[in-house]
């Protein structure tokens, strides 16, 4: 996945959502249906269960391709996000070990 496609996926997910639900997206043991319901309930801007499933699929694709650190670095550089979200992304990125 190139940087352009990564940016597209992050926009589809929502960069703030990617950071806030990072662990849930990463953990494949978290049921997709339950996570979809949680995202729909927790986010006032969320519109449908199917849209949340698409969001989850896009997020999990980033993990499948081992691009989560690049995604977090992209988010840290985004000046449209709140400082606390960028700081959280930086903290998470610093815990990821490149293999």
PDB file of N, CA and C in Angstrom:
ATOM      1  N   UNK A   1       0.862  -1.173   0.000  1.00  0.00           N
ATOM      2  CA  UNK A   1       0.000   0.000   0.000  1.00  0.00           C
ATOM      3  C   UNK A   1       0.904   1.231   0.000  1.00  0.00           C
ATOM      4  N   UNK A   2       0.670   2.124  -0.936  1.00  0.00           N
ATOM      5  CA  UNK A   2       1.472   3.342  -0.977  1.00  0.00           C
ATOM      6  C   UNK A   2       0.869   4.400  -0.047  1.00  0.00           C
ATOM      7  N   UNK A   3       1.575   5.511   0.109  1.00  0.00           N
ATOM      8  CA  UNK A   3       1.143   6.567   1.027  1.00  0.00           C
ATOM      9  C   UNK A   3      -0.205   7.177   0.629  1.00  0.00           C
ATOM     10  N   UNK A   4      -0.444   7.269  -0.668  1.00  0.00           N
ATOM     11  CA  UNK A   4      -1.706   7.841  -1.149  1.00  0.00           C
ATOM     12  C   UNK A   4      -2.895   6.962  -0.747  1.00  0.00           C
ATOM     13  N   UNK A   5      -2.743   5.655  -0.922  1.00  0.00           N
ATOM     14  CA  UNK A   5      -3.806   4.729  -0.539  1.00  0.00           C
ATOM     15  C   UNK A   5      -3.967   4.689   0.985  1.00  0.00           C
ATOM     16  N   UNK A   6      -2.859   4.766   1.705  1.00  0.00           N
ATOM     17  CA  UNK A   6      -2.916   4.807   3.165  1.00  0.00           C
ATOM     18  C   UNK A   6      -3.709   6.030   3.623  1.00  0.00           C
ATOM     19  N   UNK A   7      -3.428   7.175   3.034  1.00  0.00           N
ATOM     20  CA  UNK A   7      -4.149   8.407   3.377  1.00  0.00           C
ATOM     21  C   UNK A   7      -5.643   8.247   3.093  1.00  0.00           C
ATOM     22  N   UNK A   8      -5.968   7.634   1.972  1.00  0.00           N
ATOM     23  CA  UNK A   8      -7.372   7.417   1.602  1.00  0.00           C
ATOM     24  C   UNK A   8      -8.067   6.527   2.634  1.00  0.00           C
ATOM     25  N   UNK A   9      -7.395   5.457   3.043  1.00  0.00           N
ATOM     26  CA  UNK A   9      -7.971   4.553   4.042  1.00  0.00           C
ATOM     27  C   UNK A   9      -8.147   5.270   5.381  1.00  0.00           C
ATOM     28  N   UNK A  10      -7.150   6.066   5.770  1.00  0.00           N
ATOM     29  CA  UNK A  10      -7.253   6.798   7.033  1.00  0.00           C
ATOM     30  C   UNK A  10      -8.405   7.798   7.006  1.00  0.00           C
ATOM     31  N   UNK A  11      -8.599   8.448   5.880  1.00  0.00           N
ATOM     32  CA  UNK A  11      -9.724   9.385   5.765  1.00  0.00           C
ATOM     33  C   UNK A  11     -11.052   8.639   5.843  1.00  0.00           C
ATOM     34  N   UNK A  12     -11.097   7.459   5.255  1.00  0.00           N
ATOM     35  CA  UNK A  12     -12.312   6.645   5.287  1.00  0.00           C
ATOM     36  C   UNK A  12     -12.637   6.202   6.718  1.00  0.00           C
ATOM     37  N   UNK A  13     -11.614   5.845   7.456  1.00  0.00           N
ATOM     38  CA  UNK A  13     -11.779   5.410   8.844  1.00  0.00           C
ATOM     39  C   UNK A  13     -12.074   6.613   9.735  1.00  0.00           C
ATOM     40  N   UNK A  14     -11.327   7.683   9.492  1.00  0.00           N
ATOM     41  CA  UNK A  14     -11.306   8.839  10.382  1.00  0.00           C
ATOM     42  C   UNK A  14     -10.043   8.711  11.213  1.00  0.00           C
ATOM     43  N   UNK A  15      -9.145   9.666  11.085  1.00  0.00           N
ATOM     44  CA  UNK A  15      -7.858   9.562  11.777  1.00  0.00           C
ATOM     45  C   UNK A  15      -8.030   9.519  13.291  1.00  0.00           C
ATOM     46  N   UNK A  16      -8.936  10.338  13.799  1.00  0.00           N
ATOM     47  CA  UNK A  16      -9.178  10.335  15.242  1.00  0.00           C
ATOM     48  C   UNK A  16      -9.737   8.985  15.688  1.00  0.00           C
ATOM     49  N   UNK A  17     -10.645   8.429  14.919  1.00  0.00           N
ATOM     50  CA  UNK A  17     -11.227   7.114  15.236  1.00  0.00           C
ATOM     51  C   UNK A  17     -10.142   6.034  15.206  1.00  0.00           C
ATOM     52  N   UNK A  18      -9.234   6.105  14.232  1.00  0.00           N
ATOM     53  CA  UNK A  18      -8.155   5.122  14.143  1.00  0.00           C
ATOM     54  C   UNK A  18      -7.327   5.127  15.427  1.00  0.00           C
ATOM     55  N   UNK A  19      -7.044   6.308  15.940  1.00  0.00           N
ATOM     56  CA  UNK A  19      -6.254   6.417  17.175  1.00  0.00           C
ATOM     57  C   UNK A  19      -7.071   5.952  18.378  1.00  0.00           C
ATOM     58  N   UNK A  20      -8.295   6.446  18.496  1.00  0.00           N
ATOM     59  CA  UNK A  20      -9.121   6.133  19.667  1.00  0.00           C
ATOM     60  C   UNK A  20      -9.462   4.642  19.781  1.00  0.00           C
ATOM     61  N   UNK A  21      -9.594   3.968  18.664  1.00  0.00           N
ATOM     62  CA  UNK A  21      -9.975   2.552  18.663  1.00  0.00           C
ATOM     63  C   UNK A  21      -8.842   1.664  18.147  1.00  0.00           C
ATOM     64  N   UNK A  22      -7.628   2.146  18.255  1.00  0.00           N
ATOM     65  CA  UNK A  22      -6.453   1.450  17.733  1.00  0.00           C
ATOM     66  C   UNK A  22      -6.395  -0.005  18.208  1.00  0.00           C
ATOM     67  N   UNK A  23      -6.522  -0.212  19.504  1.00  0.00           N
ATOM     68  CA  UNK A  23      -6.407  -1.569  20.067  1.00  0.00           C
ATOM     69  C   UNK A  23      -7.534  -2.479  19.586  1.00  0.00           C
ATOM     70  N   UNK A  24      -8.745  -1.937  19.510  1.00  0.00           N
ATOM     71  CA  UNK A  24      -9.875  -2.746  19.049  1.00  0.00           C
ATOM     72  C   UNK A  24      -9.716  -3.138  17.585  1.00  0.00           C
ATOM     73  N   UNK A  25      -9.224  -2.207  16.769  1.00  0.00           N
ATOM     74  CA  UNK A  25      -8.995  -2.523  15.356  1.00  0.00           C
ATOM     75  C   UNK A  25      -7.891  -3.572  15.217  1.00  0.00           C
ATOM     76  N   UNK A  26      -6.857  -3.452  16.036  1.00  0.00           N
ATOM     77  CA  UNK A  26      -5.705  -4.357  15.941  1.00  0.00           C
ATOM     78  C   UNK A  26      -6.045  -5.775  16.404  1.00  0.00           C
ATOM     79  N   UNK A  27      -6.879  -5.882  17.415  1.00  0.00           N
ATOM     80  CA  UNK A  27      -7.195  -7.178  18.014  1.00  0.00           C
ATOM     81  C   UNK A  27      -8.259  -7.913  17.185  1.00  0.00           C
ATOM     82  N   UNK A  28      -7.833  -8.916  16.449  1.00  0.00           N
ATOM     83  CA  UNK A  28      -8.758  -9.668  15.593  1.00  0.00           C
ATOM     84  C   UNK A  28      -9.743 -10.521  16.390  1.00  0.00           C
ATOM     85  N   UNK A  29      -9.503 -10.656  17.698  1.00  0.00           N
ATOM     86  CA  UNK A  29     -10.446 -11.382  18.551  1.00  0.00           C
ATOM     87  C   UNK A  29     -11.667 -10.532  18.900  1.00  0.00           C
ATOM     88  N   UNK A  30     -11.561  -9.219  18.684  1.00  0.00           N
ATOM     89  CA  UNK A  30     -12.708  -8.342  18.914  1.00  0.00           C
ATOM     90  C   UNK A  30     -13.687  -8.568  17.766  1.00  0.00           C
ATOM     91  N   UNK A  31     -14.890  -8.974  18.117  1.00  0.00           N
ATOM     92  CA  UNK A  31     -15.919  -9.289  17.131  1.00  0.00           C
ATOM     93  C   UNK A  31     -16.280  -8.057  16.300  1.00  0.00           C
ATOM     94  N   UNK A  32     -16.266  -8.240  14.994  1.00  0.00           N
ATOM     95  CA  UNK A  32     -16.537  -7.145  14.051  1.00  0.00           C
ATOM     96  C   UNK A  32     -17.935  -6.557  14.251  1.00  0.00           C
ATOM     97  N   UNK A  33     -18.899  -7.414  14.482  1.00  0.00           N
ATOM     98  CA  UNK A  33     -20.290  -6.967  14.679  1.00  0.00           C
ATOM     99  C   UNK A  33     -20.409  -6.122  15.946  1.00  0.00           C
ATOM    100  N   UNK A  34     -19.813  -6.611  17.029  1.00  0.00           N
ATOM    101  CA  UNK A  34     -19.866  -5.874  18.298  1.00  0.00           C
ATOM    102  C   UNK A  34     -19.125  -4.541  18.195  1.00  0.00           C
ATOM    103  N   UNK A  35     -17.977  -4.559  17.546  1.00  0.00           N
ATOM    104  CA  UNK A  35     -17.217  -3.319  17.372  1.00  0.00           C
ATOM    105  C   UNK A  35     -17.993  -2.336  16.505  1.00  0.00           C
ATOM    106  N   UNK A  36     -18.675  -2.829  15.492  1.00  0.00           N
ATOM    107  CA  UNK A  36     -19.508  -1.969  14.636  1.00  0.00           C
ATOM    108  C   UNK A  36     -20.575  -1.264  15.463  1.00  0.00           C
ATOM    109  N   UNK A  37     -21.218  -2.022  16.334  1.00  0.00           N
ATOM    110  CA  UNK A  37     -22.265  -1.450  17.194  1.00  0.00           C
ATOM    111  C   UNK A  37     -21.682  -0.415  18.152  1.00  0.00           C
ATOM    112  N   UNK A  38     -20.506  -0.717  18.693  1.00  0.00           N
ATOM    113  CA  UNK A  38     -19.850   0.219  19.616  1.00  0.00           C
ATOM    114  C   UNK A  38     -19.493   1.523  18.895  1.00  0.00           C
ATOM    115  N   UNK A  39     -18.923   1.413  17.708  1.00  0.00           N
ATOM    116  CA  UNK A  39     -18.570   2.610  16.937  1.00  0.00           C
ATOM    117  C   UNK A  39     -19.808   3.442  16.616  1.00  0.00           C
ATOM    118  N   UNK A  40     -20.878   2.782  16.245  1.00  0.00           N
ATOM    119  CA  UNK A  40     -22.121   3.483  15.914  1.00  0.00           C
ATOM    120  C   UNK A  40     -22.678   4.202  17.146  1.00  0.00           C
ATOM    121  N   UNK A  41     -22.625   3.536  18.283  1.00  0.00           N
ATOM    122  CA  UNK A  41     -23.152   4.103  19.529  1.00  0.00           C
ATOM    123  C   UNK A  41     -22.281   5.254  20.042  1.00  0.00           C
ATOM    124  N   UNK A  42     -20.963   5.085  19.967  1.00  0.00           N
ATOM    125  CA  UNK A  42     -20.033   6.059  20.555  1.00  0.00           C
ATOM    126  C   UNK A  42     -19.827   7.317  19.720  1.00  0.00           C
ATOM    127  N   UNK A  43     -20.142   7.261  18.447  1.00  0.00           N
ATOM    128  CA  UNK A  43     -19.824   8.376  17.554  1.00  0.00           C
ATOM    129  C   UNK A  43     -21.084   9.008  16.975  1.00  0.00           C
ATOM    130  N   UNK A  44     -21.396  10.228  17.423  1.00  0.00           N
ATOM    131  CA  UNK A  44     -22.614  10.894  16.954  1.00  0.00           C
ATOM    132  C   UNK A  44     -22.661  11.110  15.439  1.00  0.00           C
ATOM    133  N   UNK A  45     -21.507  11.194  14.800  1.00  0.00           N
ATOM    134  CA  UNK A  45     -21.469  11.417  13.352  1.00  0.00           C
ATOM    135  C   UNK A  45     -21.598  10.118  12.553  1.00  0.00           C
ATOM    136  N   UNK A  46     -21.521   8.985  13.236  1.00  0.00           N
ATOM    137  CA  UNK A  46     -21.629   7.691  12.557  1.00  0.00           C
ATOM    138  C   UNK A  46     -23.047   7.520  12.026  1.00  0.00           C
ATOM    139  N   UNK A  47     -23.152   6.991  10.796  1.00  0.00           N
ATOM    140  CA  UNK A  47     -24.469   6.959  10.163  1.00  0.00           C
ATOM    141  C   UNK A  47     -25.128   5.581  10.072  1.00  0.00           C
ATOM    142  N   UNK A  48     -24.351   4.527   9.932  1.00  0.00           N
ATOM    143  CA  UNK A  48     -24.975   3.204   9.794  1.00  0.00           C
ATOM    144  C   UNK A  48     -24.020   2.111  10.243  1.00  0.00           C
ATOM    145  N   UNK A  49     -24.593   0.964  10.532  1.00  0.00           N
ATOM    146  CA  UNK A  49     -23.796  -0.192  10.927  1.00  0.00           C
ATOM    147  C   UNK A  49     -22.887  -0.631   9.782  1.00  0.00           C
ATOM    148  N   UNK A  50     -23.401  -0.617   8.567  1.00  0.00           N
ATOM    149  CA  UNK A  50     -22.584  -1.000   7.410  1.00  0.00           C
ATOM    150  C   UNK A  50     -21.391  -0.066   7.227  1.00  0.00           C
ATOM    151  N   UNK A  51     -21.588   1.223   7.469  1.00  0.00           N
ATOM    152  CA  UNK A  51     -20.483   2.183   7.356  1.00  0.00           C
ATOM    153  C   UNK A  51     -19.403   1.876   8.396  1.00  0.00           C
ATOM    154  N   UNK A  52     -19.823   1.430   9.583  1.00  0.00           N
ATOM    155  CA  UNK A  52     -18.855   1.090  10.630  1.00  0.00           C
ATOM    156  C   UNK A  52     -18.088  -0.177  10.261  1.00  0.00           C
ATOM    157  N   UNK A  53     -18.760  -1.105   9.608  1.00  0.00           N
ATOM    158  CA  UNK A  53     -18.088  -2.332   9.159  1.00  0.00           C
ATOM    159  C   UNK A  53     -17.045  -2.008   8.096  1.00  0.00           C
ATOM    160  N   UNK A  54     -17.356  -1.059   7.232  1.00  0.00           N
ATOM    161  CA  UNK A  54     -16.386  -0.613   6.223  1.00  0.00           C
ATOM    162  C   UNK A  54     -15.195   0.034   6.906  1.00  0.00           C
ATOM    163  N   UNK A  55     -15.476   0.847   7.911  1.00  0.00           N
ATOM    164  CA  UNK A  55     -14.423   1.504   8.691  1.00  0.00           C
ATOM    165  C   UNK A  55     -13.496   0.452   9.316  1.00  0.00           C
ATOM    166  N   UNK A  56     -14.074  -0.576   9.894  1.00  0.00           N
ATOM    167  CA  UNK A  56     -13.299  -1.647  10.532  1.00  0.00           C
ATOM    168  C   UNK A  56     -12.464  -2.395   9.492  1.00  0.00           C
ATOM    169  N   UNK A  57     -13.054  -2.706   8.356  1.00  0.00           N
ATOM    170  CA  UNK A  57     -12.323  -3.412   7.291  1.00  0.00           C
ATOM    171  C   UNK A  57     -11.119  -2.603   6.828  1.00  0.00           C
ATOM    172  N   UNK A  58     -11.307  -1.302   6.649  1.00  0.00           N
ATOM    173  CA  UNK A  58     -10.195  -0.444   6.228  1.00  0.00           C
ATOM    174  C   UNK A  58      -9.104  -0.386   7.292  1.00  0.00           C
ATOM    175  N   UNK A  59      -9.501  -0.287   8.544  1.00  0.00           N
ATOM    176  CA  UNK A  59      -8.519  -0.235   9.631  1.00  0.00           C
ATOM    177  C   UNK A  59      -7.750  -1.552   9.726  1.00  0.00           C
ATOM    178  N   UNK A  60      -8.456  -2.649   9.658  1.00  0.00           N
ATOM    179  CA  UNK A  60      -7.791  -3.948   9.785  1.00  0.00           C
ATOM    180  C   UNK A  60      -6.889  -4.245   8.589  1.00  0.00           C
ATOM    181  N   UNK A  61      -7.207  -3.682   7.436  1.00  0.00           N
ATOM    182  CA  UNK A  61      -6.339  -3.836   6.260  1.00  0.00           C
ATOM    183  C   UNK A  61      -4.989  -3.175   6.528  1.00  0.00           C
ATOM    184  N   UNK A  62      -4.995  -2.035   7.196  1.00  0.00           N
ATOM    185  CA  UNK A  62      -3.745  -1.349   7.548  1.00  0.00           C
ATOM    186  C   UNK A  62      -2.893  -2.261   8.427  1.00  0.00           C
ATOM    187  N   UNK A  63      -3.511  -2.927   9.398  1.00  0.00           N
ATOM    188  CA  UNK A  63      -2.773  -3.850  10.265  1.00  0.00           C
ATOM    189  C   UNK A  63      -2.308  -5.084   9.499  1.00  0.00           C
ATOM    190  N   UNK A  64      -3.163  -5.593   8.637  1.00  0.00           N
ATOM    191  CA  UNK A  64      -2.816  -6.768   7.831  1.00  0.00           C
ATOM    192  C   UNK A  64      -1.561  -6.499   7.000  1.00  0.00           C
ATOM    193  N   UNK A  65      -1.453  -5.286   6.485  1.00  0.00           N
ATOM    194  CA  UNK A  65      -0.301  -4.912   5.655  1.00  0.00           C
ATOM    195  C   UNK A  65       0.865  -4.363   6.479  1.00  0.00           C
ATOM    196  N   UNK A  66       0.726  -4.423   7.807  1.00  0.00           N
ATOM    197  CA  UNK A  66       1.779  -3.972   8.732  1.00  0.00           C
ATOM    198  C   UNK A  66       2.148  -2.500   8.505  1.00  0.00           C
ATOM    199  N   UNK A  67       1.131  -1.677   8.280  1.00  0.00           N
ATOM    200  CA  UNK A  67       1.365  -0.253   8.029  1.00  0.00           C
ATOM    201  C   UNK A  67       0.839   0.629   9.160  1.00  0.00           C
ATOM    202  N   UNK A  68       0.585   0.025  10.321  1.00  0.00           N
ATOM    203  CA  UNK A  68       0.028   0.809  11.416  1.00  0.00           C
ATOM    204  C   UNK A  68       0.964   1.912  11.901  1.00  0.00           C
ATOM    205  N   UNK A  69       2.273   1.636  11.910  1.00  0.00           N
ATOM    206  CA  UNK A  69       3.209   2.678  12.355  1.00  0.00           C
ATOM    207  C   UNK A  69       3.216   3.840  11.362  1.00  0.00           C
ATOM    208  N   UNK A  70       3.203   3.540  10.065  1.00  0.00           N
ATOM    209  CA  UNK A  70       3.142   4.595   9.049  1.00  0.00           C
ATOM    210  C   UNK A  70       1.848   5.389   9.188  1.00  0.00           C
ATOM    211  N   UNK A  71       0.759   4.689   9.488  1.00  0.00           N
ATOM    212  CA  UNK A  71      -0.532   5.363   9.674  1.00  0.00           C
ATOM    213  C   UNK A  71      -0.459   6.328  10.856  1.00  0.00           C
ATOM    214  N   UNK A  72       0.125   5.872  11.958  1.00  0.00           N
ATOM    215  CA  UNK A  72       0.251   6.730  13.137  1.00  0.00           C
ATOM    216  C   UNK A  72       1.169   7.920  12.864  1.00  0.00           C
ATOM    217  N   UNK A  73       2.251   7.687  12.128  1.00  0.00           N
ATOM    218  CA  UNK A  73       3.154   8.792  11.776  1.00  0.00           C
ATOM    219  C   UNK A  73       2.432   9.814  10.900  1.00  0.00           C
ATOM    220  N   UNK A  74       1.595   9.345  10.000  1.00  0.00           N
ATOM    221  CA  UNK A  74       0.770  10.223   9.169  1.00  0.00           C
ATOM    222  C   UNK A  74      -0.133  11.082  10.060  1.00  0.00           C
ATOM    223  N   UNK A  75      -0.741  10.457  11.039  1.00  0.00           N
ATOM    224  CA  UNK A  75      -1.657  11.146  11.945  1.00  0.00           C
ATOM    225  C   UNK A  75      -0.915  12.181  12.785  1.00  0.00           C
ATOM    226  N   UNK A  76       0.263  11.835  13.277  1.00  0.00           N
ATOM    227  CA  UNK A  76       1.064  12.769  14.076  1.00  0.00           C
ATOM    228  C   UNK A  76       1.365  14.037  13.279  1.00  0.00           C
ATOM    229  N   UNK A  77       1.585  13.891  11.983  1.00  0.00           N
ATOM    230  CA  UNK A  77       1.922  15.038  11.125  1.00  0.00           C
ATOM    231  C   UNK A  77       0.706  15.863  10.706  1.00  0.00           C
ATOM    232  N   UNK A  78      -0.486  15.360  10.973  1.00  0.00           N
ATOM    233  CA  UNK A  78      -1.712  16.038  10.535  1.00  0.00           C
ATOM    234  C   UNK A  78      -2.007  17.236  11.433  1.00  0.00           C
ATOM    235  N   UNK A  79      -1.998  18.432  10.853  1.00  0.00           N
ATOM    236  CA  UNK A  79      -2.249  19.613  11.680  1.00  0.00           C
ATOM    237  C   UNK A  79      -3.735  19.943  11.810  1.00  0.00           C
ATOM    238  N   UNK A  80      -4.595  19.121  11.266  1.00  0.00           N
ATOM    239  CA  UNK A  80      -6.039  19.336  11.408  1.00  0.00           C
ATOM    240  C   UNK A  80      -6.605  18.650  12.647  1.00  0.00           C
ATOM    241  N   UNK A  81      -5.804  17.813  13.265  1.00  0.00           N
ATOM    242  CA  UNK A  81      -6.274  17.065  14.432  1.00  0.00           C
ATOM    243  C   UNK A  81      -5.913  17.789  15.723  1.00  0.00           C
ATOM    244  N   UNK A  82      -6.666  17.482  16.756  1.00  0.00           N
ATOM    245  CA  UNK A  82      -6.388  18.053  18.073  1.00  0.00           C
ATOM    246  C   UNK A  82      -5.036  17.534  18.563  1.00  0.00           C
ATOM    247  N   UNK A  83      -4.373  18.366  19.358  1.00  0.00           N
ATOM    248  CA  UNK A  83      -3.061  17.999  19.892  1.00  0.00           C
ATOM    249  C   UNK A  83      -3.104  16.701  20.689  1.00  0.00           C
ATOM    250  N   UNK A  84      -4.160  16.507  21.476  1.00  0.00           N
ATOM    251  CA  UNK A  84      -4.215  15.297  22.311  1.00  0.00           C
ATOM    252  C   UNK A  84      -4.304  14.026  21.462  1.00  0.00           C
ATOM    253  N   UNK A  85      -4.950  14.098  20.309  1.00  0.00           N
ATOM    254  CA  UNK A  85      -5.036  12.933  19.414  1.00  0.00           C
ATOM    255  C   UNK A  85      -3.668  12.671  18.794  1.00  0.00           C
ATOM    256  N   UNK A  86      -3.000  13.732  18.360  1.00  0.00           N
ATOM    257  CA  UNK A  86      -1.663  13.564  17.771  1.00  0.00           C
ATOM    258  C   UNK A  86      -0.677  13.032  18.809  1.00  0.00           C
ATOM    259  N   UNK A  87      -0.787  13.507  20.045  1.00  0.00           N
ATOM    260  CA  UNK A  87       0.092  13.013  21.116  1.00  0.00           C
ATOM    261  C   UNK A  87      -0.174  11.535  21.413  1.00  0.00           C
ATOM    262  N   UNK A  88      -1.435  11.164  21.436  1.00  0.00           N
ATOM    263  CA  UNK A  88      -1.775   9.754  21.676  1.00  0.00           C
ATOM    264  C   UNK A  88      -1.235   8.887  20.539  1.00  0.00           C
ATOM    265  N   UNK A  89      -1.361   9.359  19.305  1.00  0.00           N
ATOM    266  CA  UNK A  89      -0.822   8.622  18.152  1.00  0.00           C
ATOM    267  C   UNK A  89       0.688   8.458  18.289  1.00  0.00           C
ATOM    268  N   UNK A  90       1.357   9.506  18.743  1.00  0.00           N
ATOM    269  CA  UNK A  90       2.815   9.452  18.925  1.00  0.00           C
ATOM    270  C   UNK A  90       3.182   8.433  20.002  1.00  0.00           C
ATOM    271  N   UNK A  91       2.441   8.439  21.113  1.00  0.00           N
ATOM    272  CA  UNK A  91       2.709   7.474  22.194  1.00  0.00           C
ATOM    273  C   UNK A  91       2.531   6.040  21.701  1.00  0.00           C
ATOM    274  N   UNK A  92       1.455   5.801  20.967  1.00  0.00           N
ATOM    275  CA  UNK A  92       1.211   4.449  20.445  1.00  0.00           C
ATOM    276  C   UNK A  92       2.319   4.056  19.469  1.00  0.00           C
ATOM    277  N   UNK A  93       2.677   4.966  18.569  1.00  0.00           N
ATOM    278  CA  UNK A  93       3.722   4.684  17.570  1.00  0.00           C
ATOM    279  C   UNK A  93       5.039   4.332  18.246  1.00  0.00           C
ATOM    280  N   UNK A  94       5.340   4.993  19.353  1.00  0.00           N
ATOM    281  CA  UNK A  94       6.595   4.735  20.063  1.00  0.00           C
ATOM    282  C   UNK A  94       6.627   3.365  20.729  1.00  0.00           C
ATOM    283  N   UNK A  95       5.462   2.741  20.886  1.00  0.00           N
ATOM    284  CA  UNK A  95       5.429   1.404  21.498  1.00  0.00           C
ATOM    285  C   UNK A  95       5.516   0.286  20.461  1.00  0.00           C
ATOM    286  N   UNK A  96       5.371   0.646  19.193  1.00  0.00           N
ATOM    287  CA  UNK A  96       5.405  -0.361  18.124  1.00  0.00           C
ATOM    288  C   UNK A  96       6.850  -0.662  17.759  1.00  0.00           C
ATOM    289  N   UNK A  97       7.169  -1.937  17.778  1.00  0.00           N
ATOM    290  CA  UNK A  97       8.521  -2.371  17.433  1.00  0.00           C
ATOM    291  C   UNK A  97       8.523  -2.845  15.991  1.00  0.00           C
ATOM    292  N   UNK A  98       9.416  -2.282  15.198  1.00  0.00           N
ATOM    293  CA  UNK A  98       9.541  -2.734  13.805  1.00  0.00           C
ATOM    294  C   UNK A  98      10.221  -4.088  13.777  1.00  0.00           C
ATOM    295  N   UNK A  99       9.619  -5.016  13.076  1.00  0.00           N
ATOM    296  CA  UNK A  99      10.179  -6.372  12.990  1.00  0.00           C
ATOM    297  C   UNK A  99      10.731  -6.596  11.602  1.00  0.00           C
TER     298      UNK A  99
END
